Amino acid sequence: MNEGKTKEQDSGVELEFDLGDPPQKVWRAVTIPELRERWLPKEALADPDAITVTPGQEVRYRLRDDNPPFVESTVTFKIIPNATGGTCLRIVHELTDARFVEKTRAPANSNSPPLMLAA
């Protein structure tokens, strides 16, 4: 495995690794609970079942912190075969907790005169 590349996003982190193992082996490691447990403990998962699965290509899990404020997020594993028979593993961890995700808000001042409605 080589050094991973990290790219920060507005609501998460994206990591990318080039692995020497074939995509099928990496897929098993991220989808079979007994293998996944070695590096992604079940206590970190909000649900042991995947949210979405594209067989052999992508799997997404919902995570929840075990300490207050119990922040929720998702982690997505994208598996892409590389030219050498290995795997490009992209891990995208995104904050999805509604309490912390920025919401689109209407401006407090709409720059128009206030209107009174007749009753």
Protein backbone atom coordinates (compact mmCIF):
# COMPACT_ATOMS: atom_id res chain seq x y z
CA MET A 1 0.00 0.00 0.00
CA ASN A 2 1.29 3.45 -0.80
CA GLU A 3 0.85 6.71 1.03
CA GLY A 4 -2.74 7.84 0.79
CA LYS A 5 -3.83 11.14 -0.67
CA THR A 6 -6.16 13.25 1.44
CA LYS A 7 -8.58 15.83 0.12
CA GLU A 8 -10.71 17.88 2.50
CA GLN A 9 -14.25 18.73 1.47
CA ASP A 10 -16.78 21.10 3.02
CA SER A 11 -18.49 18.33 4.96
CA GLY A 12 -15.90 15.57 5.10
CA VAL A 13 -12.62 13.98 4.10
CA GLU A 14 -11.68 11.93 1.04
CA LEU A 15 -8.77 9.48 1.17
CA GLU A 16 -7.34 7.54 -1.76
CA PHE A 17 -5.04 4.52 -1.60
CA ASP A 18 -3.42 2.37 -4.29
CA LEU A 19 -3.40 -1.23 -3.04
CA GLY A 20 -1.62 -4.22 -4.52
CA ASP A 21 -4.53 -6.55 -3.76
CA PRO A 22 -7.17 -7.32 -6.41
CA PRO A 23 -10.54 -5.54 -6.19
CA GLN A 24 -12.36 -8.74 -5.14
CA LYS A 25 -10.19 -9.08 -2.03
CA VAL A 26 -10.67 -5.42 -1.07
CA TRP A 27 -14.43 -5.76 -1.64
CA ARG A 28 -14.58 -8.69 0.77
CA ALA A 29 -12.63 -6.69 3.37
CA VAL A 30 -15.15 -3.83 3.33
CA THR A 31 -18.35 -5.90 3.10
CA ILE A 32 -17.89 -9.08 5.16
CA PRO A 33 -18.63 -8.14 8.81
CA GLU A 34 -15.95 -10.41 10.31
CA LEU A 35 -13.25 -8.87 8.10
CA ARG A 36 -14.59 -5.31 8.35
CA GLU A 37 -14.64 -5.58 12.16
CA ARG A 38 -10.82 -5.62 12.26
CA TRP A 39 -10.57 -2.00 11.18
CA LEU A 40 -14.13 -0.60 11.38
CA PRO A 41 -15.62 -1.73 14.72
CA LYS A 42 -19.31 -2.48 14.88
CA GLU A 43 -19.61 0.02 17.76
CA ALA A 44 -18.84 2.80 15.26
CA LEU A 45 -21.67 1.73 12.95
CA ALA A 46 -25.15 3.14 13.50
CA ASP A 47 -26.42 0.14 11.55
CA PRO A 48 -24.38 -2.98 10.64
CA ASP A 49 -26.11 -3.15 7.25
CA ALA A 50 -24.95 -0.98 4.39
CA ILE A 51 -27.09 1.98 3.32
CA THR A 52 -26.30 1.46 -0.36
CA VAL A 53 -24.40 -1.22 -2.24
CA THR A 54 -23.19 -1.33 -5.82
CA PRO A 55 -21.69 -4.85 -5.89
CA GLY A 56 -17.95 -4.86 -6.43
CA GLN A 57 -17.77 -1.06 -6.76
CA GLU A 58 -19.18 0.91 -3.85
CA VAL A 59 -20.62 0.41 -0.37
CA ARG A 60 -21.84 3.06 2.11
CA TYR A 61 -22.32 2.73 5.87
CA ARG A 62 -23.90 5.02 8.44
CA LEU A 63 -21.70 5.81 11.45
CA ARG A 64 -22.50 7.28 14.87
CA ASP A 65 -20.10 8.48 17.55
CA ASP A 66 -20.38 6.55 20.78
CA ASN A 67 -19.90 9.72 22.88
CA PRO A 68 -22.13 12.79 23.12
CA PRO A 69 -23.22 14.59 21.00
CA PHE A 70 -23.48 11.29 19.03
CA VAL A 71 -22.66 12.85 15.66
CA GLU A 72 -23.81 10.89 12.60
CA SER A 73 -21.88 10.55 9.35
CA THR A 74 -21.48 8.23 6.39
CA VAL A 75 -18.43 6.47 5.05
CA THR A 76 -18.32 5.35 1.43
CA PHE A 77 -15.81 2.85 0.05
CA LYS A 78 -15.27 3.11 -3.70
CA ILE A 79 -13.29 0.30 -5.31
CA ILE A 80 -11.70 0.94 -8.69
CA PRO A 81 -9.41 -1.58 -10.46
CA ASN A 82 -6.06 -0.09 -11.42
CA ALA A 83 -3.82 -0.86 -14.41
CA THR A 84 -1.51 -3.19 -12.44
CA GLY A 85 -4.22 -5.59 -11.26
CA GLY A 86 -4.46 -3.91 -7.87
CA THR A 87 -7.08 -1.58 -6.48
CA CYS A 88 -7.60 2.12 -6.05
CA LEU A 89 -9.57 2.42 -2.79
CA ARG A 90 -11.30 5.75 -2.26
CA ILE A 91 -12.77 6.38 1.21
CA VAL A 92 -15.16 9.30 1.56
CA HIS A 93 -16.23 10.21 5.10
CA GLU A 94 -18.98 12.84 5.20
CA LEU A 95 -20.76 14.56 8.05
CA THR A 96 -24.50 14.01 7.62
CA ASP A 97 -25.82 14.96 11.05
CA ALA A 98 -28.57 17.53 10.50
CA ARG A 99 -27.47 19.44 13.61
CA PHE A 100 -24.14 20.33 12.05
CA VAL A 101 -24.71 20.41 8.30
CA GLU A 102 -25.02 23.97 7.03
CA LYS A 103 -28.54 24.79 5.96
CA THR A 104 -29.55 27.28 3.32
CA ARG A 105 -31.12 30.21 5.11
CA ALA A 106 -33.17 33.09 3.85
CA PRO A 107 -31.57 36.46 4.52
CA ALA A 108 -32.84 38.35 7.54
CA ASN A 109 -33.12 41.50 5.46
CA SER A 110 -34.82 41.01 2.13
CA ASN A 111 -34.25 44.70 1.19
CA SER A 112 -37.93 45.24 0.56
CA PRO A 113 -40.31 47.31 2.64
CA PRO A 114 -42.37 45.39 5.19
CA LEU A 115 -45.96 44.79 4.23
CA MET A 116 -48.84 44.58 6.60
CA LEU A 117 -51.57 42.11 5.82
CA ALA A 118 -55.18 43.07 6.32
CA ALA A 119 -57.05 40.85 8.67
